[in-house]
Amino acid sequence: MITSLGGVTAAGSELKEEGNSHWGAPNADATNSTGFTARAAGMISSGTSSGIMDMVRFWTTTEFDINDAYYIELNKTDGTVVVGHAPKADSYSVRCMQD
């Protein structure tokens, strides 16, 4: 999906909801051209909530290892997508998508 939307440097723009109702300023480059409407729900890591209105992390279905899984992260400052891995015990958003 990320590749078809222009790669990690551009795909976030296509996925983020426009405006500042659910994103803090500046919510740069958001177009939501895909209709995905990603909102800055933040995340929970080690029991601590952070990033509401600033970013969102979505779990992917791909495991990194027995303890970790991959996520994608979108933020308010630009249209990039960060791909990383984190402990499965963390709480991130989930969106189901059809292949």
PDB file of N, CA and C in Angstrom:
ATOM      1  N   MET A   1       0.816  -1.186   0.000  1.00  0.00           N
ATOM      2  CA  MET A   1       0.000   0.000   0.000  1.00  0.00           C
ATOM      3  C   MET A   1       0.868   1.261   0.000  1.00  0.00           C
ATOM      4  N   ILE A   2       1.864   1.307   0.866  1.00  0.00           N
ATOM      5  CA  ILE A   2       2.712   2.497   0.966  1.00  0.00           C
ATOM      6  C   ILE A   2       3.411   2.771  -0.357  1.00  0.00           C
ATOM      7  N   THR A   3       3.920   1.739  -0.993  1.00  0.00           N
ATOM      8  CA  THR A   3       4.608   1.902  -2.276  1.00  0.00           C
ATOM      9  C   THR A   3       3.678   2.492  -3.324  1.00  0.00           C
ATOM     10  N   SER A   4       2.460   2.000  -3.402  1.00  0.00           N
ATOM     11  CA  SER A   4       1.523   2.486  -4.421  1.00  0.00           C
ATOM     12  C   SER A   4       1.068   3.919  -4.170  1.00  0.00           C
ATOM     13  N   LEU A   5       1.298   4.434  -2.962  1.00  0.00           N
ATOM     14  CA  LEU A   5       0.920   5.812  -2.631  1.00  0.00           C
ATOM     15  C   LEU A   5       2.101   6.772  -2.668  1.00  0.00           C
ATOM     16  N   GLY A   6       3.205   6.367  -3.267  1.00  0.00           N
ATOM     17  CA  GLY A   6       4.340   7.265  -3.425  1.00  0.00           C
ATOM     18  C   GLY A   6       5.502   6.993  -2.507  1.00  0.00           C
ATOM     19  N   GLY A   7       5.450   5.906  -1.739  1.00  0.00           N
ATOM     20  CA  GLY A   7       6.553   5.559  -0.854  1.00  0.00           C
ATOM     21  C   GLY A   7       6.464   6.246   0.496  1.00  0.00           C
ATOM     22  N   VAL A   8       7.452   5.977   1.339  1.00  0.00           N
ATOM     23  CA  VAL A   8       7.424   6.483   2.712  1.00  0.00           C
ATOM     24  C   VAL A   8       7.508   8.001   2.812  1.00  0.00           C
ATOM     25  N   THR A   9       7.996   8.665   1.775  1.00  0.00           N
ATOM     26  CA  THR A   9       8.108  10.120   1.843  1.00  0.00           C
ATOM     27  C   THR A   9       6.815  10.843   1.491  1.00  0.00           C
ATOM     28  N   ALA A  10       5.821  10.130   0.945  1.00  0.00           N
ATOM     29  CA  ALA A  10       4.595  10.799   0.503  1.00  0.00           C
ATOM     30  C   ALA A  10       3.304  10.134   0.945  1.00  0.00           C
ATOM     31  N   ALA A  11       3.320   8.865   1.259  1.00  0.00           N
ATOM     32  CA  ALA A  11       2.083   8.113   1.508  1.00  0.00           C
ATOM     33  C   ALA A  11       1.271   8.648   2.681  1.00  0.00           C
ATOM     34  N   GLY A  12       1.929   9.202   3.679  1.00  0.00           N
ATOM     35  CA  GLY A  12       1.196   9.734   4.832  1.00  0.00           C
ATOM     36  C   GLY A  12       0.212  10.816   4.449  1.00  0.00           C
ATOM     37  N   SER A  13       0.579  11.642   3.487  1.00  0.00           N
ATOM     38  CA  SER A  13      -0.313  12.706   3.014  1.00  0.00           C
ATOM     39  C   SER A  13      -1.613  12.138   2.489  1.00  0.00           C
ATOM     40  N   GLU A  14      -1.521  11.043   1.753  1.00  0.00           N
ATOM     41  CA  GLU A  14      -2.689  10.430   1.122  1.00  0.00           C
ATOM     42  C   GLU A  14      -3.606   9.754   2.140  1.00  0.00           C
ATOM     43  N   LEU A  15      -3.088   9.434   3.324  1.00  0.00           N
ATOM     44  CA  LEU A  15      -3.837   8.693   4.338  1.00  0.00           C
ATOM     45  C   LEU A  15      -4.431   9.576   5.433  1.00  0.00           C
ATOM     46  N   LYS A  16      -3.824  10.748   5.688  1.00  0.00           N
ATOM     47  CA  LYS A  16      -4.242  11.593   6.808  1.00  0.00           C
ATOM     48  C   LYS A  16      -5.496  12.406   6.494  1.00  0.00           C
ATOM     49  N   GLU A  17      -6.383  12.483   7.479  1.00  0.00           N
ATOM     50  CA  GLU A  17      -7.545  13.359   7.387  1.00  0.00           C
ATOM     51  C   GLU A  17      -7.068  14.810   7.294  1.00  0.00           C
ATOM     52  N   GLU A  18      -7.712  15.594   6.451  1.00  0.00           N
ATOM     53  CA  GLU A  18      -7.368  17.009   6.327  1.00  0.00           C
ATOM     54  C   GLU A  18      -7.905  17.802   7.517  1.00  0.00           C
ATOM     55  N   GLY A  19      -7.306  18.983   7.744  1.00  0.00           N
ATOM     56  CA  GLY A  19      -7.800  19.900   8.765  1.00  0.00           C
ATOM     57  C   GLY A  19      -7.252  19.618  10.149  1.00  0.00           C
ATOM     58  N   ASN A  20      -7.808  20.340  11.122  1.00  0.00           N
ATOM     59  CA  ASN A  20      -7.298  20.260  12.486  1.00  0.00           C
ATOM     60  C   ASN A  20      -8.342  19.810  13.503  1.00  0.00           C
ATOM     61  N   SER A  21      -9.411  19.178  13.050  1.00  0.00           N
ATOM     62  CA  SER A  21     -10.396  18.645  13.996  1.00  0.00           C
ATOM     63  C   SER A  21      -9.825  17.483  14.801  1.00  0.00           C
ATOM     64  N   HIS A  22      -8.994  16.655  14.155  1.00  0.00           N
ATOM     65  CA  HIS A  22      -8.426  15.481  14.821  1.00  0.00           C
ATOM     66  C   HIS A  22      -6.903  15.433  14.730  1.00  0.00           C
ATOM     67  N   TRP A  23      -6.311  16.497  14.214  1.00  0.00           N
ATOM     68  CA  TRP A  23      -4.854  16.637  14.117  1.00  0.00           C
ATOM     69  C   TRP A  23      -4.480  18.011  14.646  1.00  0.00           C
ATOM     70  N   GLY A  24      -3.374  18.097  15.381  1.00  0.00           N
ATOM     71  CA  GLY A  24      -2.848  19.387  15.774  1.00  0.00           C
ATOM     72  C   GLY A  24      -2.223  20.077  14.571  1.00  0.00           C
ATOM     73  N   ALA A  25      -2.073  21.395  14.679  1.00  0.00           N
ATOM     74  CA  ALA A  25      -1.428  22.152  13.604  1.00  0.00           C
ATOM     75  C   ALA A  25       0.048  21.765  13.543  1.00  0.00           C
ATOM     76  N   PRO A  26       0.631  21.690  12.363  1.00  0.00           N
ATOM     77  CA  PRO A  26       0.085  22.163  11.096  1.00  0.00           C
ATOM     78  C   PRO A  26      -0.648  21.104  10.274  1.00  0.00           C
ATOM     79  N   ASN A  27      -0.596  19.835  10.642  1.00  0.00           N
ATOM     80  CA  ASN A  27      -1.134  18.742   9.825  1.00  0.00           C
ATOM     81  C   ASN A  27      -0.708  18.917   8.368  1.00  0.00           C
ATOM     82  N   ALA A  28       0.571  19.092   8.198  1.00  0.00           N
ATOM     83  CA  ALA A  28       1.171  19.402   6.891  1.00  0.00           C
ATOM     84  C   ALA A  28       0.937  18.307   5.864  1.00  0.00           C
ATOM     85  N   ASP A  29       0.657  18.727   4.657  1.00  0.00           N
ATOM     86  CA  ASP A  29       0.574  17.872   3.464  1.00  0.00           C
ATOM     87  C   ASP A  29      -0.616  16.914   3.433  1.00  0.00           C
ATOM     88  N   ALA A  30      -1.540  16.985   4.388  1.00  0.00           N
ATOM     89  CA  ALA A  30      -2.668  16.044   4.409  1.00  0.00           C
ATOM     90  C   ALA A  30      -3.611  16.294   3.234  1.00  0.00           C
ATOM     91  N   THR A  31      -3.927  15.220   2.493  1.00  0.00           N
ATOM     92  CA  THR A  31      -4.886  15.319   1.387  1.00  0.00           C
ATOM     93  C   THR A  31      -6.024  14.315   1.528  1.00  0.00           C
ATOM     94  N   ASN A  32      -5.801  13.219   2.242  1.00  0.00           N
ATOM     95  CA  ASN A  32      -6.780  12.138   2.398  1.00  0.00           C
ATOM     96  C   ASN A  32      -7.328  11.668   1.051  1.00  0.00           C
ATOM     97  N   SER A  33      -6.513  11.678   0.034  1.00  0.00           N
ATOM     98  CA  SER A  33      -6.967  11.305  -1.311  1.00  0.00           C
ATOM     99  C   SER A  33      -7.453   9.856  -1.388  1.00  0.00           C
ATOM    100  N   THR A  34      -7.061   9.026  -0.435  1.00  0.00           N
ATOM    101  CA  THR A  34      -7.477   7.622  -0.430  1.00  0.00           C
ATOM    102  C   THR A  34      -8.810   7.398   0.277  1.00  0.00           C
ATOM    103  N   GLY A  35      -9.242   8.381   1.070  1.00  0.00           N
ATOM    104  CA  GLY A  35     -10.436   8.207   1.882  1.00  0.00           C
ATOM    105  C   GLY A  35     -10.184   7.395   3.145  1.00  0.00           C
ATOM    106  N   PHE A  36      -8.932   7.110   3.450  1.00  0.00           N
ATOM    107  CA  PHE A  36      -8.568   6.332   4.638  1.00  0.00           C
ATOM    108  C   PHE A  36      -8.900   7.091   5.930  1.00  0.00           C
ATOM    109  N   THR A  37      -8.735   8.415   5.911  1.00  0.00           N
ATOM    110  CA  THR A  37      -9.100   9.311   7.011  1.00  0.00           C
ATOM    111  C   THR A  37      -8.404   8.961   8.327  1.00  0.00           C
ATOM    112  N   ALA A  38      -7.085   8.837   8.287  1.00  0.00           N
ATOM    113  CA  ALA A  38      -6.317   8.580   9.507  1.00  0.00           C
ATOM    114  C   ALA A  38      -6.399   9.789  10.430  1.00  0.00           C
ATOM    115  N   ARG A  39      -6.661   9.518  11.697  1.00  0.00           N
ATOM    116  CA  ARG A  39      -6.758  10.567  12.710  1.00  0.00           C
ATOM    117  C   ARG A  39      -5.666  10.373  13.755  1.00  0.00           C
ATOM    118  N   ALA A  40      -5.223  11.471  14.354  1.00  0.00           N
ATOM    119  CA  ALA A  40      -4.108  11.455  15.303  1.00  0.00           C
ATOM    120  C   ALA A  40      -4.550  10.925  16.664  1.00  0.00           C
ATOM    121  N   ALA A  41      -4.700   9.613  16.755  1.00  0.00           N
ATOM    122  CA  ALA A  41      -5.176   8.963  17.981  1.00  0.00           C
ATOM    123  C   ALA A  41      -4.071   8.746  19.004  1.00  0.00           C
ATOM    124  N   GLY A  42      -2.820   9.001  18.620  1.00  0.00           N
ATOM    125  CA  GLY A  42      -1.714   8.768  19.534  1.00  0.00           C
ATOM    126  C   GLY A  42      -1.422   7.287  19.698  1.00  0.00           C
ATOM    127  N   MET A  43      -0.909   6.931  20.873  1.00  0.00           N
ATOM    128  CA  MET A  43      -0.510   5.551  21.153  1.00  0.00           C
ATOM    129  C   MET A  43      -0.394   5.350  22.653  1.00  0.00           C
ATOM    130  N   ILE A  44      -0.293   4.104  23.073  1.00  0.00           N
ATOM    131  CA  ILE A  44       0.006   3.775  24.466  1.00  0.00           C
ATOM    132  C   ILE A  44       1.194   2.826  24.464  1.00  0.00           C
ATOM    133  N   SER A  45       2.225   3.198  25.206  1.00  0.00           N
ATOM    134  CA  SER A  45       3.426   2.382  25.321  1.00  0.00           C
ATOM    135  C   SER A  45       3.792   2.265  26.792  1.00  0.00           C
ATOM    136  N   SER A  46       3.988   1.049  27.264  1.00  0.00           N
ATOM    137  CA  SER A  46       4.315   0.793  28.676  1.00  0.00           C
ATOM    138  C   SER A  46       3.298   1.444  29.607  1.00  0.00           C
ATOM    139  N   GLY A  47       2.035   1.474  29.191  1.00  0.00           N
ATOM    140  CA  GLY A  47       0.970   2.017  30.020  1.00  0.00           C
ATOM    141  C   GLY A  47       0.814   3.521  29.981  1.00  0.00           C
ATOM    142  N   THR A  48       1.635   4.212  29.183  1.00  0.00           N
ATOM    143  CA  THR A  48       1.587   5.666  29.111  1.00  0.00           C
ATOM    144  C   THR A  48       1.055   6.116  27.762  1.00  0.00           C
ATOM    145  N   SER A  49       0.033   6.966  27.787  1.00  0.00           N
ATOM    146  CA  SER A  49      -0.570   7.509  26.572  1.00  0.00           C
ATOM    147  C   SER A  49       0.220   8.722  26.097  1.00  0.00           C
ATOM    148  N   SER A  50       0.403   8.831  24.782  1.00  0.00           N
ATOM    149  CA  SER A  50       1.100  10.000  24.233  1.00  0.00           C
ATOM    150  C   SER A  50       0.695  10.212  22.782  1.00  0.00           C
ATOM    151  N   GLY A  51       0.946  11.405  22.288  1.00  0.00           N
ATOM    152  CA  GLY A  51       0.802  11.696  20.870  1.00  0.00           C
ATOM    153  C   GLY A  51      -0.589  12.032  20.374  1.00  0.00           C
ATOM    154  N   ILE A  52      -1.591  12.108  21.263  1.00  0.00           N
ATOM    155  CA  ILE A  52      -2.935  12.440  20.794  1.00  0.00           C
ATOM    156  C   ILE A  52      -2.898  13.821  20.147  1.00  0.00           C
ATOM    157  N   MET A  53      -3.467  13.937  18.974  1.00  0.00           N
ATOM    158  CA  MET A  53      -3.496  15.132  18.125  1.00  0.00           C
ATOM    159  C   MET A  53      -2.166  15.386  17.405  1.00  0.00           C
ATOM    160  N   ASP A  54      -1.134  14.590  17.687  1.00  0.00           N
ATOM    161  CA  ASP A  54       0.174  14.779  17.056  1.00  0.00           C
ATOM    162  C   ASP A  54       0.551  13.670  16.079  1.00  0.00           C
ATOM    163  N   MET A  55       0.131  12.437  16.378  1.00  0.00           N
ATOM    164  CA  MET A  55       0.550  11.296  15.560  1.00  0.00           C
ATOM    165  C   MET A  55      -0.393  10.123  15.761  1.00  0.00           C
ATOM    166  N   VAL A  56      -0.207   9.104  14.937  1.00  0.00           N
ATOM    167  CA  VAL A  56      -0.936   7.851  15.099  1.00  0.00           C
ATOM    168  C   VAL A  56      -0.029   6.713  14.652  1.00  0.00           C
ATOM    169  N   ARG A  57      -0.127   5.602  15.347  1.00  0.00           N
ATOM    170  CA  ARG A  57       0.551   4.380  14.924  1.00  0.00           C
ATOM    171  C   ARG A  57      -0.505   3.318  14.657  1.00  0.00           C
ATOM    172  N   PHE A  58      -0.332   2.610  13.547  1.00  0.00           N
ATOM    173  CA  PHE A  58      -1.199   1.496  13.187  1.00  0.00           C
ATOM    174  C   PHE A  58      -0.371   0.218  13.168  1.00  0.00           C
ATOM    175  N   TRP A  59      -0.878  -0.817  13.826  1.00  0.00           N
ATOM    176  CA  TRP A  59      -0.234  -2.119  13.712  1.00  0.00           C
ATOM    177  C   TRP A  59      -0.365  -2.631  12.285  1.00  0.00           C
ATOM    178  N   THR A  60       0.647  -3.365  11.836  1.00  0.00           N
ATOM    179  CA  THR A  60       0.543  -4.128  10.598  1.00  0.00           C
ATOM    180  C   THR A  60       0.322  -5.591  10.984  1.00  0.00           C
ATOM    181  N   THR A  61       0.124  -6.439  10.028  1.00  0.00           N
ATOM    182  CA  THR A  61      -0.051  -7.867  10.315  1.00  0.00           C
ATOM    183  C   THR A  61       1.275  -8.619  10.320  1.00  0.00           C
ATOM    184  N   THR A  62       2.380  -7.899  10.168  1.00  0.00           N
ATOM    185  CA  THR A  62       3.692  -8.531  10.042  1.00  0.00           C
ATOM    186  C   THR A  62       4.435  -8.540  11.373  1.00  0.00           C
ATOM    187  N   GLU A  63       4.834  -9.724  11.805  1.00  0.00           N
ATOM    188  CA  GLU A  63       5.636  -9.839  13.018  1.00  0.00           C
ATOM    189  C   GLU A  63       7.096  -9.508  12.722  1.00  0.00           C
ATOM    190  N   PHE A  64       7.756  -8.869  13.692  1.00  0.00           N
ATOM    191  CA  PHE A  64       9.199  -8.670  13.640  1.00  0.00           C
ATOM    192  C   PHE A  64       9.879  -9.889  14.254  1.00  0.00           C
ATOM    193  N   ASP A  65       9.390 -10.279  15.421  1.00  0.00           N
ATOM    194  CA  ASP A  65       9.829 -11.505  16.089  1.00  0.00           C
ATOM    195  C   ASP A  65       8.715 -11.941  17.040  1.00  0.00           C
ATOM    196  N   ILE A  66       9.002 -12.859  17.930  1.00  0.00           N
ATOM    197  CA  ILE A  66       7.979 -13.400  18.821  1.00  0.00           C
ATOM    198  C   ILE A  66       7.355 -12.328  19.711  1.00  0.00           C
ATOM    199  N   ASN A  67       8.109 -11.286  20.049  1.00  0.00           N
ATOM    200  CA  ASN A  67       7.644 -10.249  20.974  1.00  0.00           C
ATOM    201  C   ASN A  67       7.192  -8.957  20.308  1.00  0.00           C
ATOM    202  N   ASP A  68       7.693  -8.681  19.117  1.00  0.00           N
ATOM    203  CA  ASP A  68       7.434  -7.403  18.449  1.00  0.00           C
ATOM    204  C   ASP A  68       6.688  -7.594  17.134  1.00  0.00           C
ATOM    205  N   ALA A  69       6.007  -6.535  16.714  1.00  0.00           N
ATOM    206  CA  ALA A  69       5.356  -6.497  15.405  1.00  0.00           C
ATOM    207  C   ALA A  69       5.652  -5.144  14.764  1.00  0.00           C
ATOM    208  N   TYR A  70       5.479  -5.071  13.455  1.00  0.00           N
ATOM    209  CA  TYR A  70       5.711  -3.822  12.730  1.00  0.00           C
ATOM    210  C   TYR A  70       4.504  -2.896  12.830  1.00  0.00           C
ATOM    211  N   TYR A  71       4.779  -1.598  12.779  1.00  0.00           N
ATOM    212  CA  TYR A  71       3.739  -0.575  12.743  1.00  0.00           C
ATOM    213  C   TYR A  71       4.086   0.446  11.668  1.00  0.00           C
ATOM    214  N   ILE A  72       3.082   1.253  11.285  1.00  0.00           N
ATOM    215  CA  ILE A  72       3.354   2.452  10.501  1.00  0.00           C
ATOM    216  C   ILE A  72       2.915   3.644  11.341  1.00  0.00           C
ATOM    217  N   GLU A  73       3.650   4.742  11.224  1.00  0.00           N
ATOM    218  CA  GLU A  73       3.357   5.948  11.999  1.00  0.00           C
ATOM    219  C   GLU A  73       3.186   7.130  11.064  1.00  0.00           C
ATOM    220  N   LEU A  74       2.157   7.924  11.316  1.00  0.00           N
ATOM    221  CA  LEU A  74       1.920   9.177  10.607  1.00  0.00           C
ATOM    222  C   LEU A  74       2.000  10.295  11.635  1.00  0.00           C
ATOM    223  N   ASN A  75       2.486  11.473  11.218  1.00  0.00           N
ATOM    224  CA  ASN A  75       2.579  12.582  12.161  1.00  0.00           C
ATOM    225  C   ASN A  75       2.068  13.874  11.541  1.00  0.00           C
ATOM    226  N   LYS A  76       1.897  14.880  12.385  1.00  0.00           N
ATOM    227  CA  LYS A  76       1.304  16.145  11.951  1.00  0.00           C
ATOM    228  C   LYS A  76       2.265  17.049  11.183  1.00  0.00           C
ATOM    229  N   THR A  77       3.559  16.765  11.226  1.00  0.00           N
ATOM    230  CA  THR A  77       4.528  17.703  10.659  1.00  0.00           C
ATOM    231  C   THR A  77       4.789  17.531   9.171  1.00  0.00           C
ATOM    232  N   ASP A  78       4.465  16.344   8.619  1.00  0.00           N
ATOM    233  CA  ASP A  78       4.708  16.132   7.187  1.00  0.00           C
ATOM    234  C   ASP A  78       3.925  14.923   6.693  1.00  0.00           C
ATOM    235  N   GLY A  79       4.169  14.544   5.458  1.00  0.00           N
ATOM    236  CA  GLY A  79       3.436  13.445   4.848  1.00  0.00           C
ATOM    237  C   GLY A  79       4.184  12.133   4.804  1.00  0.00           C
ATOM    238  N   THR A  80       5.223  12.003   5.619  1.00  0.00           N
ATOM    239  CA  THR A  80       5.998  10.763   5.599  1.00  0.00           C
ATOM    240  C   THR A  80       5.296   9.654   6.381  1.00  0.00           C
ATOM    241  N   VAL A  81       5.726   8.436   6.119  1.00  0.00           N
ATOM    242  CA  VAL A  81       5.298   7.264   6.883  1.00  0.00           C
ATOM    243  C   VAL A  81       6.551   6.683   7.527  1.00  0.00           C
ATOM    244  N   VAL A  82       6.512   6.516   8.830  1.00  0.00           N
ATOM    245  CA  VAL A  82       7.602   5.862   9.550  1.00  0.00           C
ATOM    246  C   VAL A  82       7.208   4.403   9.732  1.00  0.00           C
ATOM    247  N   VAL A  83       8.107   3.499   9.387  1.00  0.00           N
ATOM    248  CA  VAL A  83       7.877   2.071   9.597  1.00  0.00           C
ATOM    249  C   VAL A  83       8.843   1.615  10.683  1.00  0.00           C
ATOM    250  N   GLY A  84       8.310   0.988  11.711  1.00  0.00           N
ATOM    251  CA  GLY A  84       9.147   0.519  12.803  1.00  0.00           C
ATOM    252  C   GLY A  84       8.571  -0.746  13.405  1.00  0.00           C
ATOM    253  N   HIS A  85       9.163  -1.171  14.511  1.00  0.00           N
ATOM    254  CA  HIS A  85       8.612  -2.313  15.242  1.00  0.00           C
ATOM    255  C   HIS A  85       8.629  -1.995  16.724  1.00  0.00           C
ATOM    256  N   ALA A  86       7.706  -2.614  17.443  1.00  0.00           N
ATOM    257  CA  ALA A  86       7.550  -2.335  18.869  1.00  0.00           C
ATOM    258  C   ALA A  86       6.952  -3.560  19.558  1.00  0.00           C
ATOM    259  N   PRO A  87       7.012  -3.583  20.889  1.00  0.00           N
ATOM    260  CA  PRO A  87       6.429  -4.703  21.625  1.00  0.00           C
ATOM    261  C   PRO A  87       4.926  -4.837  21.355  1.00  0.00           C
ATOM    262  N   LYS A  88       4.484  -6.063  21.193  1.00  0.00           N
ATOM    263  CA  LYS A  88       3.064  -6.327  20.944  1.00  0.00           C
ATOM    264  C   LYS A  88       2.187  -5.884  22.111  1.00  0.00           C
ATOM    265  N   ALA A  89       2.773  -5.686  23.282  1.00  0.00           N
ATOM    266  CA  ALA A  89       2.016  -5.232  24.447  1.00  0.00           C
ATOM    267  C   ALA A  89       1.610  -3.765  24.341  1.00  0.00           C
ATOM    268  N   ASP A  90       2.244  -2.997  23.449  1.00  0.00           N
ATOM    269  CA  ASP A  90       1.854  -1.602  23.244  1.00  0.00           C
ATOM    270  C   ASP A  90       0.470  -1.547  22.601  1.00  0.00           C
ATOM    271  N   SER A  91      -0.196  -0.420  22.750  1.00  0.00           N
ATOM    272  CA  SER A  91      -1.545  -0.245  22.194  1.00  0.00           C
ATOM    273  C   SER A  91      -1.516   0.791  21.080  1.00  0.00           C
ATOM    274  N   TYR A  92      -1.757   0.323  19.851  1.00  0.00           N
ATOM    275  CA  TYR A  92      -1.804   1.184  18.675  1.00  0.00           C
ATOM    276  C   TYR A  92      -3.139   0.974  17.974  1.00  0.00           C
ATOM    277  N   SER A  93      -3.453   1.867  17.075  1.00  0.00           N
ATOM    278  CA  SER A  93      -4.692   1.753  16.313  1.00  0.00           C
ATOM    279  C   SER A  93      -4.626   0.585  15.336  1.00  0.00           C
ATOM    280  N   VAL A  94      -5.802   0.103  14.953  1.00  0.00           N
ATOM    281  CA  VAL A  94      -5.919  -0.993  13.987  1.00  0.00           C
ATOM    282  C   VAL A  94      -6.955  -0.606  12.948  1.00  0.00           C
ATOM    283  N   ARG A  95      -6.620  -0.778  11.685  1.00  0.00           N
ATOM    284  CA  ARG A  95      -7.573  -0.604  10.583  1.00  0.00           C
ATOM    285  C   ARG A  95      -7.462  -1.832   9.696  1.00  0.00           C
ATOM    286  N   CYS A  96      -8.554  -2.495   9.479  1.00  0.00           N
ATOM    287  CA  CYS A  96      -8.568  -3.661   8.593  1.00  0.00           C
ATOM    288  C   CYS A  96      -8.755  -3.191   7.160  1.00  0.00           C
ATOM    289  N   MET A  97      -7.950  -3.751   6.263  1.00  0.00           N
ATOM    290  CA  MET A  97      -8.016  -3.378   4.853  1.00  0.00           C
ATOM    291  C   MET A  97      -8.076  -4.634   4.009  1.00  0.00           C
ATOM    292  N   GLN A  98      -8.854  -4.588   2.964  1.00  0.00           N
ATOM    293  CA  GLN A  98      -8.952  -5.712   2.042  1.00  0.00           C
ATOM    294  C   GLN A  98      -7.804  -5.654   1.053  1.00  0.00           C
ATOM    295  N   ASP A  99      -7.190  -6.808   0.781  1.00  0.00           N
ATOM    296  CA  ASP A  99      -6.112  -6.866  -0.216  1.00  0.00           C
ATOM    297  C   ASP A  99      -6.658  -6.608  -1.597  1.00  0.00           C
TER     298      ASP A  99
END
